[in-house]
Amino acid sequence: MDAKTKSLIAAGAAAAVNFRPCREHLVPKCVKAGASEDEILDAIDTGFQVNRGAHAKTQAFADEVLTNAQQSIDEPTPECCDEATAARTGCC
């Protein structure tokens, strides 16, 4: 892989993880490797898109966990059962 492609990928990855110092280091490296301003902006924008997608998935997961936790709080706890039923069903 050539230096320009590597530096564009790195700049996009730095944008995806919100690592500003790395982006500040990599943008001049992209220019030095021959990337145009449009290519650099596209790489960074792609990284931001990845970040937004990851954020949306993480938020959905957090919402699901919280919903499940609330449901388990709201559900009545079953009465403890006798030893034979516990052994057979694992209820207690």
N, C-alpha and C. Protein backbone atom coordinates (compact mmCIF):
# COMPACT_ATOMS: atom_id res chain seq x y z
N MET A 1 0.86 -1.17 0.00
CA MET A 1 0.00 0.00 0.00
C MET A 1 0.91 1.24 0.00
N ASP A 2 0.54 2.21 -0.78
CA ASP A 2 1.38 3.41 -0.87
C ASP A 2 1.17 4.33 0.33
N ALA A 3 2.11 5.25 0.53
CA ALA A 3 2.12 6.15 1.69
C ALA A 3 0.87 7.03 1.73
N LYS A 4 0.40 7.49 0.58
CA LYS A 4 -0.78 8.36 0.55
C LYS A 4 -2.00 7.61 1.07
N THR A 5 -2.21 6.39 0.58
CA THR A 5 -3.36 5.60 1.02
C THR A 5 -3.28 5.30 2.50
N LYS A 6 -2.11 4.92 2.98
CA LYS A 6 -1.93 4.63 4.40
C LYS A 6 -2.23 5.85 5.27
N SER A 7 -1.73 7.01 4.85
CA SER A 7 -1.95 8.20 5.67
C SER A 7 -3.42 8.64 5.63
N LEU A 8 -4.09 8.46 4.50
CA LEU A 8 -5.52 8.77 4.42
C LEU A 8 -6.33 7.83 5.32
N ILE A 9 -6.00 6.56 5.30
CA ILE A 9 -6.68 5.60 6.18
C ILE A 9 -6.45 5.97 7.64
N ALA A 10 -5.22 6.30 7.98
CA ALA A 10 -4.89 6.67 9.35
C ALA A 10 -5.66 7.93 9.77
N ALA A 11 -5.75 8.91 8.88
CA ALA A 11 -6.49 10.14 9.21
C ALA A 11 -7.97 9.84 9.42
N GLY A 12 -8.53 8.97 8.60
CA GLY A 12 -9.93 8.57 8.78
C GLY A 12 -10.13 7.81 10.07
N ALA A 13 -9.19 6.91 10.40
CA ALA A 13 -9.28 6.16 11.65
C ALA A 13 -9.18 7.09 12.85
N ALA A 14 -8.28 8.07 12.78
CA ALA A 14 -8.14 9.03 13.87
C ALA A 14 -9.44 9.82 14.06
N ALA A 15 -10.10 10.15 12.95
CA ALA A 15 -11.38 10.85 13.04
C ALA A 15 -12.44 9.93 13.66
N ALA A 16 -12.42 8.65 13.30
CA ALA A 16 -13.41 7.71 13.82
C ALA A 16 -13.34 7.56 15.33
N VAL A 17 -12.13 7.69 15.88
CA VAL A 17 -11.98 7.53 17.33
C VAL A 17 -11.82 8.87 18.06
N ASN A 18 -12.10 9.95 17.35
CA ASN A 18 -12.04 11.30 17.93
C ASN A 18 -10.68 11.63 18.55
N PHE A 19 -9.63 11.26 17.86
CA PHE A 19 -8.28 11.52 18.37
C PHE A 19 -7.68 12.70 17.62
N ARG A 20 -7.99 13.88 18.10
CA ARG A 20 -7.60 15.12 17.42
C ARG A 20 -6.08 15.28 17.26
N PRO A 21 -5.27 15.02 18.30
CA PRO A 21 -3.82 15.19 18.11
C PRO A 21 -3.27 14.33 16.98
N CYS A 22 -3.81 13.15 16.83
CA CYS A 22 -3.37 12.26 15.76
C CYS A 22 -3.77 12.83 14.39
N ARG A 23 -5.00 13.34 14.30
CA ARG A 23 -5.43 13.97 13.04
C ARG A 23 -4.53 15.15 12.71
N GLU A 24 -4.20 15.96 13.71
CA GLU A 24 -3.34 17.13 13.48
C GLU A 24 -1.97 16.70 12.98
N HIS A 25 -1.51 15.56 13.42
CA HIS A 25 -0.22 15.02 12.96
C HIS A 25 -0.35 14.43 11.56
N LEU A 26 -1.48 13.78 11.29
CA LEU A 26 -1.62 13.04 10.04
C LEU A 26 -1.98 13.88 8.83
N VAL A 27 -2.70 14.98 9.03
CA VAL A 27 -3.10 15.80 7.86
C VAL A 27 -1.87 16.29 7.10
N PRO A 28 -0.87 16.86 7.76
CA PRO A 28 0.33 17.25 7.00
C PRO A 28 1.03 16.05 6.34
N LYS A 29 0.96 14.91 7.01
CA LYS A 29 1.55 13.70 6.44
C LYS A 29 0.81 13.30 5.16
N CYS A 30 -0.51 13.45 5.14
CA CYS A 30 -1.31 13.18 3.94
C CYS A 30 -0.90 14.12 2.80
N VAL A 31 -0.77 15.39 3.14
CA VAL A 31 -0.37 16.39 2.13
C VAL A 31 1.00 16.03 1.57
N LYS A 32 1.94 15.72 2.46
CA LYS A 32 3.29 15.35 2.04
C LYS A 32 3.28 14.11 1.14
N ALA A 33 2.34 13.20 1.39
CA ALA A 33 2.25 11.97 0.60
C ALA A 33 1.53 12.20 -0.73
N GLY A 34 1.00 13.42 -0.94
CA GLY A 34 0.38 13.74 -2.23
C GLY A 34 -1.13 13.74 -2.24
N ALA A 35 -1.76 13.67 -1.08
CA ALA A 35 -3.23 13.67 -1.04
C ALA A 35 -3.76 15.10 -1.24
N SER A 36 -4.85 15.19 -1.96
CA SER A 36 -5.49 16.50 -2.17
C SER A 36 -6.33 16.84 -0.95
N GLU A 37 -6.71 18.09 -0.86
CA GLU A 37 -7.57 18.53 0.24
C GLU A 37 -8.88 17.75 0.24
N ASP A 38 -9.47 17.54 -0.95
CA ASP A 38 -10.72 16.78 -1.05
C ASP A 38 -10.55 15.35 -0.56
N GLU A 39 -9.41 14.73 -0.90
CA GLU A 39 -9.16 13.35 -0.45
C GLU A 39 -9.04 13.29 1.08
N ILE A 40 -8.36 14.27 1.64
CA ILE A 40 -8.20 14.31 3.09
C ILE A 40 -9.54 14.52 3.78
N LEU A 41 -10.30 15.49 3.28
CA LEU A 41 -11.62 15.74 3.86
C LEU A 41 -12.53 14.53 3.73
N ASP A 42 -12.45 13.83 2.60
CA ASP A 42 -13.26 12.63 2.40
C ASP A 42 -12.86 11.53 3.39
N ALA A 43 -11.57 11.35 3.60
CA ALA A 43 -11.09 10.33 4.55
C ALA A 43 -11.57 10.66 5.96
N ILE A 44 -11.46 11.92 6.35
CA ILE A 44 -11.89 12.34 7.69
C ILE A 44 -13.40 12.20 7.82
N ASP A 45 -14.14 12.60 6.80
CA ASP A 45 -15.60 12.47 6.84
C ASP A 45 -16.01 11.00 6.94
N THR A 46 -15.32 10.12 6.24
CA THR A 46 -15.61 8.70 6.33
C THR A 46 -15.40 8.20 7.76
N GLY A 47 -14.33 8.66 8.38
CA GLY A 47 -14.08 8.31 9.79
C GLY A 47 -15.20 8.80 10.69
N PHE A 48 -15.67 10.01 10.46
CA PHE A 48 -16.78 10.54 11.27
C PHE A 48 -18.05 9.71 11.06
N GLN A 49 -18.28 9.25 9.83
CA GLN A 49 -19.44 8.41 9.56
C GLN A 49 -19.36 7.09 10.33
N VAL A 50 -18.17 6.51 10.35
CA VAL A 50 -17.96 5.27 11.11
C VAL A 50 -18.25 5.53 12.59
N ASN A 51 -17.76 6.65 13.10
CA ASN A 51 -17.98 7.00 14.50
C ASN A 51 -19.47 7.14 14.80
N ARG A 52 -20.20 7.82 13.93
CA ARG A 52 -21.64 8.00 14.15
C ARG A 52 -22.36 6.66 14.14
N GLY A 53 -21.97 5.78 13.23
CA GLY A 53 -22.59 4.45 13.18
C GLY A 53 -22.30 3.66 14.44
N ALA A 54 -21.06 3.70 14.90
CA ALA A 54 -20.70 2.99 16.13
C ALA A 54 -21.45 3.57 17.33
N HIS A 55 -21.55 4.89 17.36
CA HIS A 55 -22.27 5.54 18.45
C HIS A 55 -23.74 5.11 18.47
N ALA A 56 -24.36 5.07 17.30
CA ALA A 56 -25.77 4.68 17.22
C ALA A 56 -25.97 3.24 17.71
N LYS A 57 -25.07 2.34 17.31
CA LYS A 57 -25.17 0.94 17.74
C LYS A 57 -24.94 0.81 19.25
N THR A 58 -23.97 1.55 19.76
CA THR A 58 -23.69 1.51 21.20
C THR A 58 -24.86 2.07 21.99
N GLN A 59 -25.46 3.14 21.50
CA GLN A 59 -26.62 3.73 22.17
C GLN A 59 -27.79 2.76 22.16
N ALA A 60 -28.02 2.10 21.03
CA ALA A 60 -29.11 1.12 20.95
C ALA A 60 -28.88 -0.02 21.93
N PHE A 61 -27.64 -0.49 22.05
CA PHE A 61 -27.32 -1.56 22.98
C PHE A 61 -27.57 -1.10 24.42
N ALA A 62 -27.11 0.11 24.76
CA ALA A 62 -27.32 0.64 26.10
C ALA A 62 -28.81 0.76 26.41
N ASP A 63 -29.59 1.23 25.45
CA ASP A 63 -31.03 1.34 25.64
C ASP A 63 -31.65 -0.04 25.89
N GLU A 64 -31.20 -1.04 25.14
CA GLU A 64 -31.71 -2.41 25.31
C GLU A 64 -31.37 -2.95 26.69
N VAL A 65 -30.14 -2.74 27.12
CA VAL A 65 -29.72 -3.21 28.45
C VAL A 65 -30.56 -2.55 29.53
N LEU A 66 -30.76 -1.24 29.41
CA LEU A 66 -31.57 -0.54 30.41
C LEU A 66 -33.01 -1.00 30.41
N THR A 67 -33.57 -1.23 29.23
CA THR A 67 -34.94 -1.72 29.13
C THR A 67 -35.06 -3.09 29.77
N ASN A 68 -34.11 -3.98 29.47
CA ASN A 68 -34.14 -5.33 30.05
C ASN A 68 -33.98 -5.27 31.57
N ALA A 69 -33.12 -4.38 32.05
CA ALA A 69 -32.93 -4.24 33.49
C ALA A 69 -34.22 -3.76 34.14
N GLN A 70 -34.89 -2.81 33.52
CA GLN A 70 -36.14 -2.29 34.06
C GLN A 70 -37.21 -3.37 34.06
N GLN A 71 -37.28 -4.16 32.99
CA GLN A 71 -38.27 -5.23 32.93
C GLN A 71 -38.03 -6.26 34.02
N SER A 72 -36.77 -6.60 34.27
CA SER A 72 -36.49 -7.59 35.31
C SER A 72 -36.84 -7.06 36.69
N ILE A 73 -36.74 -5.74 36.88
CA ILE A 73 -37.15 -5.13 38.16
C ILE A 73 -38.67 -5.17 38.29
N ASP A 74 -39.35 -4.91 37.18
CA ASP A 74 -40.81 -4.84 37.19
C ASP A 74 -41.48 -6.21 37.31
N GLU A 75 -40.80 -7.27 36.86
CA GLU A 75 -41.39 -8.61 36.89
C GLU A 75 -41.37 -9.13 38.32
N PRO A 76 -42.47 -9.74 38.75
CA PRO A 76 -42.49 -10.28 40.10
C PRO A 76 -41.50 -11.44 40.25
N THR A 77 -40.88 -11.53 41.40
CA THR A 77 -39.96 -12.62 41.68
C THR A 77 -40.78 -13.85 42.03
N PRO A 78 -40.46 -15.00 41.39
CA PRO A 78 -41.26 -16.20 41.70
C PRO A 78 -41.02 -16.64 43.14
N GLU A 79 -42.07 -17.23 43.70
CA GLU A 79 -41.94 -17.78 45.04
C GLU A 79 -40.90 -18.88 45.01
N CYS A 80 -40.18 -19.02 46.08
CA CYS A 80 -39.21 -20.09 46.16
C CYS A 80 -39.96 -21.42 46.20
N CYS A 81 -39.42 -22.42 45.57
CA CYS A 81 -40.11 -23.70 45.48
C CYS A 81 -39.44 -24.74 46.38
N ASP A 82 -40.08 -25.90 46.51
CA ASP A 82 -39.52 -26.95 47.36
C ASP A 82 -38.31 -27.58 46.69
N GLU A 83 -37.56 -28.39 47.42
CA GLU A 83 -36.31 -28.96 46.91
C GLU A 83 -36.51 -29.80 45.66
N ALA A 84 -37.57 -30.58 45.60
CA ALA A 84 -37.80 -31.46 44.44
C ALA A 84 -38.05 -30.61 43.19
N THR A 85 -38.86 -29.57 43.32
CA THR A 85 -39.15 -28.69 42.18
C THR A 85 -37.90 -27.93 41.78
N ALA A 86 -37.14 -27.45 42.76
CA ALA A 86 -35.90 -26.73 42.48
C ALA A 86 -34.92 -27.62 41.72
N ALA A 87 -34.80 -28.87 42.14
CA ALA A 87 -33.88 -29.80 41.50
C ALA A 87 -34.31 -30.07 40.05
N ARG A 88 -35.62 -30.17 39.83
CA ARG A 88 -36.15 -30.49 38.51
C ARG A 88 -36.12 -29.28 37.56
N THR A 89 -36.44 -28.08 38.10
CA THR A 89 -36.61 -26.91 37.23
C THR A 89 -35.52 -25.86 37.38
N GLY A 90 -34.78 -25.92 38.46
CA GLY A 90 -33.77 -24.89 38.70
C GLY A 90 -34.36 -23.56 39.09
N CYS A 91 -35.55 -23.57 39.68
CA CYS A 91 -36.26 -22.31 39.97
C CYS A 91 -35.66 -21.53 41.12
N CYS A 92 -34.93 -22.14 42.01
CA CYS A 92 -34.42 -21.40 43.19
C CYS A 92 -32.92 -21.40 43.23
